[in-house]
Every structure is written in C-alpha cells, then in structure tokens.
Amino acid sequence: MRSFNSMLDEQMDDPEFATVFEAEIERLNAAVAVSRAREEARLTQEQLAERSGVSRVTINRIERGKLNPSMKTLSRLARAMGKQVRVSIS
C-alpha cells in the first residue's frame, strides 16, 4: 500500500493538479490565519466586520475556506485586529 505522500508527490508532477492544489493550500492558509487572528483578538465575526468594513458573510466565507481573499481585504481585516499582513515567498 502506498502512502498519501507518495501519491501526492506523483500527482504534483501534473502541472494542472499542482496549480489547483497550491491555490487550495493558499486559500486554506488564509482561512486558518484569519480565524486564529480573530480569535486571538477576541472578536466575533460581526465585531470584526464592523471594525473592518468587510461583511460578516465575507469573513465567514474566508474562514471556511470558501473564498480566497485579496490582499486588500486581508489588510483591512488585519488592521481592524491591530495586526499586519506579511507576505513570504519561499
């Protein structure tokens, strides 16, 4: 039986799969980052929406990984939580 990592490595050789997979990882990373930051700031989605001017529905979709937020949206959310957005290329 092959491991998950072995199968994933094989699939990543397909450029189309790799592109979709990487986009999904980015969206999920944003979801986790926004959710954790909001919880650390002890804000509800509604409170964050009021402070940032981003709708609660949009915040909810970001946190559920259903929406890949723009840098502008991430910056607005971060500022409303007293944080900054950092971009890393590795």
N, C-alpha and C. Protein backbone atom coordinates (compact mmCIF):
# COMPACT_ATOMS: atom_id res chain seq x y z
N MET A 1 0.84 -1.17 0.00
CA MET A 1 0.00 0.00 0.00
C MET A 1 0.89 1.25 0.00
N ARG A 2 0.57 2.20 -0.89
CA ARG A 2 1.34 3.43 -0.99
C ARG A 2 0.89 4.45 0.04
N SER A 3 1.80 5.28 0.45
CA SER A 3 1.46 6.32 1.42
C SER A 3 0.80 7.50 0.70
N PHE A 4 0.13 8.31 1.49
CA PHE A 4 -0.50 9.51 0.95
C PHE A 4 0.54 10.41 0.30
N ASN A 5 1.67 10.62 1.00
CA ASN A 5 2.71 11.49 0.47
C ASN A 5 3.25 10.99 -0.86
N SER A 6 3.36 9.69 -0.99
CA SER A 6 3.83 9.11 -2.25
C SER A 6 2.85 9.40 -3.38
N MET A 7 1.57 9.23 -3.10
CA MET A 7 0.55 9.50 -4.12
C MET A 7 0.49 10.99 -4.44
N LEU A 8 0.63 11.83 -3.42
CA LEU A 8 0.60 13.27 -3.65
C LEU A 8 1.79 13.70 -4.50
N ASP A 9 2.96 13.19 -4.18
CA ASP A 9 4.15 13.51 -4.98
C ASP A 9 3.94 13.16 -6.45
N GLU A 10 3.32 12.02 -6.69
CA GLU A 10 3.04 11.59 -8.06
C GLU A 10 2.07 12.55 -8.75
N GLN A 11 1.02 12.95 -8.03
CA GLN A 11 0.03 13.86 -8.59
C GLN A 11 0.61 15.25 -8.86
N MET A 12 1.56 15.68 -8.01
CA MET A 12 2.16 17.00 -8.17
C MET A 12 3.01 17.10 -9.44
N ASP A 13 3.31 15.99 -10.06
CA ASP A 13 4.03 16.01 -11.34
C ASP A 13 3.14 16.54 -12.46
N ASP A 14 1.83 16.51 -12.24
CA ASP A 14 0.87 17.04 -13.21
C ASP A 14 0.72 18.54 -12.95
N PRO A 15 1.17 19.39 -13.88
CA PRO A 15 1.13 20.85 -13.66
C PRO A 15 -0.27 21.39 -13.35
N GLU A 16 -1.28 20.86 -13.99
CA GLU A 16 -2.65 21.32 -13.74
C GLU A 16 -3.07 21.00 -12.31
N PHE A 17 -2.79 19.77 -11.88
CA PHE A 17 -3.11 19.38 -10.50
C PHE A 17 -2.35 20.25 -9.51
N ALA A 18 -1.06 20.45 -9.77
CA ALA A 18 -0.21 21.22 -8.87
C ALA A 18 -0.73 22.65 -8.71
N THR A 19 -1.18 23.26 -9.79
CA THR A 19 -1.71 24.62 -9.74
C THR A 19 -2.96 24.69 -8.88
N VAL A 20 -3.87 23.76 -9.08
CA VAL A 20 -5.11 23.72 -8.30
C VAL A 20 -4.81 23.43 -6.83
N PHE A 21 -3.91 22.49 -6.60
CA PHE A 21 -3.55 22.11 -5.24
C PHE A 21 -2.94 23.29 -4.49
N GLU A 22 -2.02 24.00 -5.11
CA GLU A 22 -1.36 25.15 -4.48
C GLU A 22 -2.36 26.26 -4.18
N ALA A 23 -3.30 26.49 -5.08
CA ALA A 23 -4.34 27.51 -4.85
C ALA A 23 -5.20 27.13 -3.64
N GLU A 24 -5.50 25.86 -3.52
CA GLU A 24 -6.30 25.38 -2.39
C GLU A 24 -5.53 25.56 -1.09
N ILE A 25 -4.26 25.26 -1.09
CA ILE A 25 -3.42 25.42 0.10
C ILE A 25 -3.39 26.90 0.51
N GLU A 26 -3.24 27.80 -0.46
CA GLU A 26 -3.23 29.23 -0.15
C GLU A 26 -4.54 29.68 0.47
N ARG A 27 -5.64 29.21 -0.08
CA ARG A 27 -6.96 29.59 0.44
C ARG A 27 -7.13 29.07 1.87
N LEU A 28 -6.71 27.84 2.12
CA LEU A 28 -6.85 27.27 3.46
C LEU A 28 -5.92 27.94 4.46
N ASN A 29 -4.72 28.30 4.03
CA ASN A 29 -3.80 29.03 4.91
C ASN A 29 -4.39 30.37 5.31
N ALA A 30 -5.01 31.06 4.37
CA ALA A 30 -5.66 32.34 4.67
C ALA A 30 -6.82 32.12 5.65
N ALA A 31 -7.58 31.07 5.45
CA ALA A 31 -8.72 30.77 6.33
C ALA A 31 -8.25 30.58 7.77
N VAL A 32 -7.22 29.77 7.94
CA VAL A 32 -6.70 29.50 9.28
C VAL A 32 -6.12 30.77 9.90
N ALA A 33 -5.36 31.53 9.12
CA ALA A 33 -4.72 32.74 9.64
C ALA A 33 -5.76 33.77 10.11
N VAL A 34 -6.79 34.00 9.31
CA VAL A 34 -7.82 34.98 9.68
C VAL A 34 -8.59 34.50 10.90
N SER A 35 -8.96 33.25 10.91
CA SER A 35 -9.72 32.70 12.03
C SER A 35 -8.92 32.78 13.33
N ARG A 36 -7.66 32.36 13.30
CA ARG A 36 -6.82 32.41 14.50
C ARG A 36 -6.61 33.84 14.98
N ALA A 37 -6.34 34.74 14.06
CA ALA A 37 -6.10 36.13 14.43
C ALA A 37 -7.36 36.74 15.06
N ARG A 38 -8.51 36.42 14.49
CA ARG A 38 -9.77 36.95 15.04
C ARG A 38 -10.00 36.41 16.44
N GLU A 39 -9.76 35.12 16.64
CA GLU A 39 -9.94 34.52 17.96
C GLU A 39 -8.94 35.11 18.97
N GLU A 40 -7.69 35.32 18.54
CA GLU A 40 -6.69 35.92 19.42
C GLU A 40 -7.08 37.35 19.81
N ALA A 41 -7.72 38.05 18.89
CA ALA A 41 -8.19 39.41 19.16
C ALA A 41 -9.48 39.41 19.97
N ARG A 42 -10.03 38.22 20.20
CA ARG A 42 -11.27 38.04 20.96
C ARG A 42 -12.43 38.82 20.35
N LEU A 43 -12.53 38.67 19.02
CA LEU A 43 -13.60 39.33 18.29
C LEU A 43 -14.52 38.29 17.67
N THR A 44 -15.79 38.62 17.60
CA THR A 44 -16.71 37.81 16.83
C THR A 44 -16.58 38.22 15.37
N GLN A 45 -17.13 37.43 14.48
CA GLN A 45 -17.13 37.82 13.07
C GLN A 45 -17.87 39.14 12.89
N GLU A 46 -18.94 39.32 13.60
CA GLU A 46 -19.72 40.55 13.49
C GLU A 46 -18.90 41.76 13.95
N GLN A 47 -18.19 41.62 15.06
CA GLN A 47 -17.35 42.72 15.55
C GLN A 47 -16.24 43.05 14.55
N LEU A 48 -15.63 42.01 13.99
CA LEU A 48 -14.58 42.24 13.01
C LEU A 48 -15.15 42.92 11.77
N ALA A 49 -16.34 42.52 11.38
CA ALA A 49 -16.99 43.14 10.23
C ALA A 49 -17.21 44.63 10.47
N GLU A 50 -17.70 44.96 11.66
CA GLU A 50 -17.95 46.37 11.99
C GLU A 50 -16.65 47.18 11.97
N ARG A 51 -15.59 46.61 12.52
CA ARG A 51 -14.31 47.33 12.60
C ARG A 51 -13.61 47.47 11.25
N SER A 52 -13.77 46.45 10.40
CA SER A 52 -13.00 46.41 9.15
C SER A 52 -13.75 46.94 7.94
N GLY A 53 -15.08 46.94 8.01
CA GLY A 53 -15.87 47.31 6.84
C GLY A 53 -16.02 46.17 5.85
N VAL A 54 -15.57 44.97 6.24
CA VAL A 54 -15.73 43.76 5.42
C VAL A 54 -16.96 43.05 5.97
N SER A 55 -17.85 42.60 5.10
CA SER A 55 -19.09 42.00 5.59
C SER A 55 -18.83 40.71 6.38
N ARG A 56 -19.72 40.44 7.33
CA ARG A 56 -19.62 39.22 8.12
C ARG A 56 -19.70 37.99 7.23
N VAL A 57 -20.52 38.05 6.21
CA VAL A 57 -20.65 36.93 5.28
C VAL A 57 -19.31 36.66 4.59
N THR A 58 -18.63 37.71 4.18
CA THR A 58 -17.32 37.55 3.53
C THR A 58 -16.31 36.97 4.51
N ILE A 59 -16.31 37.47 5.75
CA ILE A 59 -15.39 36.93 6.76
C ILE A 59 -15.67 35.46 6.99
N ASN A 60 -16.93 35.11 7.08
CA ASN A 60 -17.32 33.71 7.27
C ASN A 60 -16.84 32.84 6.11
N ARG A 61 -17.02 33.32 4.90
CA ARG A 61 -16.58 32.55 3.72
C ARG A 61 -15.07 32.40 3.69
N ILE A 62 -14.34 33.43 4.09
CA ILE A 62 -12.88 33.34 4.16
C ILE A 62 -12.47 32.30 5.18
N GLU A 63 -13.06 32.37 6.38
CA GLU A 63 -12.69 31.45 7.46
C GLU A 63 -13.07 30.00 7.16
N ARG A 64 -14.08 29.80 6.36
CA ARG A 64 -14.47 28.44 5.96
C ARG A 64 -13.68 27.94 4.76
N GLY A 65 -12.82 28.80 4.21
CA GLY A 65 -12.02 28.39 3.05
C GLY A 65 -12.79 28.41 1.75
N LYS A 66 -13.89 29.12 1.72
CA LYS A 66 -14.72 29.18 0.53
C LYS A 66 -14.37 30.35 -0.37
N LEU A 67 -13.55 31.28 0.14
CA LEU A 67 -13.21 32.48 -0.59
C LEU A 67 -11.73 32.77 -0.40
N ASN A 68 -11.05 33.03 -1.49
CA ASN A 68 -9.64 33.40 -1.44
C ASN A 68 -9.58 34.92 -1.39
N PRO A 69 -9.25 35.49 -0.21
CA PRO A 69 -9.33 36.94 -0.07
C PRO A 69 -8.20 37.66 -0.80
N SER A 70 -8.50 38.86 -1.24
CA SER A 70 -7.48 39.71 -1.86
C SER A 70 -6.57 40.27 -0.78
N MET A 71 -5.43 40.78 -1.19
CA MET A 71 -4.52 41.43 -0.25
C MET A 71 -5.20 42.63 0.40
N LYS A 72 -6.01 43.34 -0.36
CA LYS A 72 -6.73 44.50 0.17
C LYS A 72 -7.65 44.08 1.32
N THR A 73 -8.38 43.00 1.12
CA THR A 73 -9.30 42.51 2.15
C THR A 73 -8.52 42.02 3.36
N LEU A 74 -7.45 41.25 3.13
CA LEU A 74 -6.64 40.77 4.25
C LEU A 74 -6.06 41.94 5.04
N SER A 75 -5.62 42.98 4.34
CA SER A 75 -5.06 44.15 5.02
C SER A 75 -6.12 44.85 5.86
N ARG A 76 -7.32 44.99 5.34
CA ARG A 76 -8.40 45.63 6.10
C ARG A 76 -8.72 44.83 7.36
N LEU A 77 -8.77 43.51 7.22
CA LEU A 77 -9.05 42.66 8.38
C LEU A 77 -7.92 42.75 9.40
N ALA A 78 -6.70 42.67 8.92
CA ALA A 78 -5.54 42.72 9.82
C ALA A 78 -5.52 44.04 10.60
N ARG A 79 -5.68 45.15 9.90
CA ARG A 79 -5.68 46.46 10.57
C ARG A 79 -6.77 46.54 11.64
N ALA A 80 -7.92 45.98 11.35
CA ALA A 80 -9.04 46.02 12.30
C ALA A 80 -8.73 45.19 13.55
N MET A 81 -7.78 44.26 13.44
CA MET A 81 -7.38 43.43 14.58
C MET A 81 -6.07 43.91 15.20
N GLY A 82 -5.54 45.05 14.71
CA GLY A 82 -4.28 45.56 15.22
C GLY A 82 -3.08 44.74 14.77
N LYS A 83 -3.21 44.13 13.61
CA LYS A 83 -2.15 43.28 13.07
C LYS A 83 -1.74 43.76 11.69
N GLN A 84 -0.72 43.10 11.14
CA GLN A 84 -0.24 43.40 9.79
C GLN A 84 -0.24 42.13 8.97
N VAL A 85 -0.37 42.30 7.66
CA VAL A 85 -0.25 41.17 6.74
C VAL A 85 1.21 41.10 6.32
N ARG A 86 1.76 39.90 6.35
CA ARG A 86 3.12 39.68 5.87
C ARG A 86 3.06 38.66 4.75
N VAL A 87 3.80 38.94 3.70
CA VAL A 87 3.87 38.02 2.56
C VAL A 87 5.25 37.39 2.56
N SER A 88 5.28 36.10 2.36
CA SER A 88 6.56 35.38 2.34
C SER A 88 6.62 34.55 1.06
N ILE A 89 7.74 34.65 0.38
CA ILE A 89 7.96 33.82 -0.79
C ILE A 89 9.10 32.88 -0.43
N SER A 90 8.81 31.60 -0.47
CA SER A 90 9.85 30.64 -0.11
C SER A 90 9.95 29.52 -1.11
